[in-house]
Amino acid sequence: MEANGFITKEHYVNLMDLHFQRAATTDRSVSAVGQ
């Protein structure tokens, strides 16, 4: 995507960050349920 110029580097980093935060929150919820 980035190579085509559709999104900027900053945009890409933000997307990765959002995805990571969402995954971390999900992991926390799963851990709480597991206990």
C-alpha atoms as a PDB file:
ATOM      1  CA  MET A   1       0.000   0.000   0.000  1.00  0.00           C
ATOM      2  CA  GLU A   2       2.631   2.482   1.085  1.00  0.00           C
ATOM      3  CA  ALA A   3       4.700   2.033  -2.068  1.00  0.00           C
ATOM      4  CA  ASN A   4       1.723   3.162  -4.154  1.00  0.00           C
ATOM      5  CA  GLY A   5       1.457   6.379  -2.139  1.00  0.00           C
ATOM      6  CA  PHE A   6      -2.064   5.693  -0.890  1.00  0.00           C
ATOM      7  CA  ILE A   7      -1.033   6.086   2.733  1.00  0.00           C
ATOM      8  CA  THR A   8       1.852   7.900   4.371  1.00  0.00           C
ATOM      9  CA  LYS A   9       4.494   6.301   6.568  1.00  0.00           C
ATOM     10  CA  GLU A  10       2.959   7.981   9.632  1.00  0.00           C
ATOM     11  CA  HIS A  11      -0.447   6.614   8.715  1.00  0.00           C
ATOM     12  CA  TYR A  12       0.990   3.107   8.427  1.00  0.00           C
ATOM     13  CA  VAL A  13       2.695   3.348  11.831  1.00  0.00           C
ATOM     14  CA  ASN A  14      -0.546   4.586  13.411  1.00  0.00           C
ATOM     15  CA  LEU A  15      -2.456   1.644  11.936  1.00  0.00           C
ATOM     16  CA  MET A  16       0.090  -0.799  13.348  1.00  0.00           C
ATOM     17  CA  ASP A  17      -0.059   0.930  16.733  1.00  0.00           C
ATOM     18  CA  LEU A  18      -3.854   0.785  16.837  1.00  0.00           C
ATOM     19  CA  HIS A  19      -3.798  -2.885  15.919  1.00  0.00           C
ATOM     20  CA  PHE A  20      -1.217  -3.625  18.607  1.00  0.00           C
ATOM     21  CA  GLN A  21      -3.209  -1.781  21.282  1.00  0.00           C
ATOM     22  CA  ARG A  22      -6.362  -3.652  20.313  1.00  0.00           C
ATOM     23  CA  ALA A  23      -4.514  -6.974  20.507  1.00  0.00           C
ATOM     24  CA  ALA A  24      -3.047  -6.081  23.907  1.00  0.00           C
ATOM     25  CA  THR A  25      -6.494  -5.204  25.255  1.00  0.00           C
ATOM     26  CA  THR A  26      -7.898  -8.491  23.961  1.00  0.00           C
ATOM     27  CA  ASP A  27      -5.059 -10.434  25.586  1.00  0.00           C
ATOM     28  CA  ARG A  28      -5.719  -8.697  28.890  1.00  0.00           C
ATOM     29  CA  SER A  29      -9.425  -9.564  28.725  1.00  0.00           C
ATOM     30  CA  VAL A  30      -8.663 -13.192  27.908  1.00  0.00           C
ATOM     31  CA  SER A  31      -6.179 -13.419  30.783  1.00  0.00           C
ATOM     32  CA  ALA A  32      -8.747 -11.990  33.209  1.00  0.00           C
ATOM     33  CA  VAL A  33     -11.337 -14.533  32.064  1.00  0.00           C
ATOM     34  CA  GLY A  34      -8.788 -17.344  32.362  1.00  0.00           C
ATOM     35  CA  GLN A  35      -8.211 -16.584  36.015  1.00  0.00           C
END
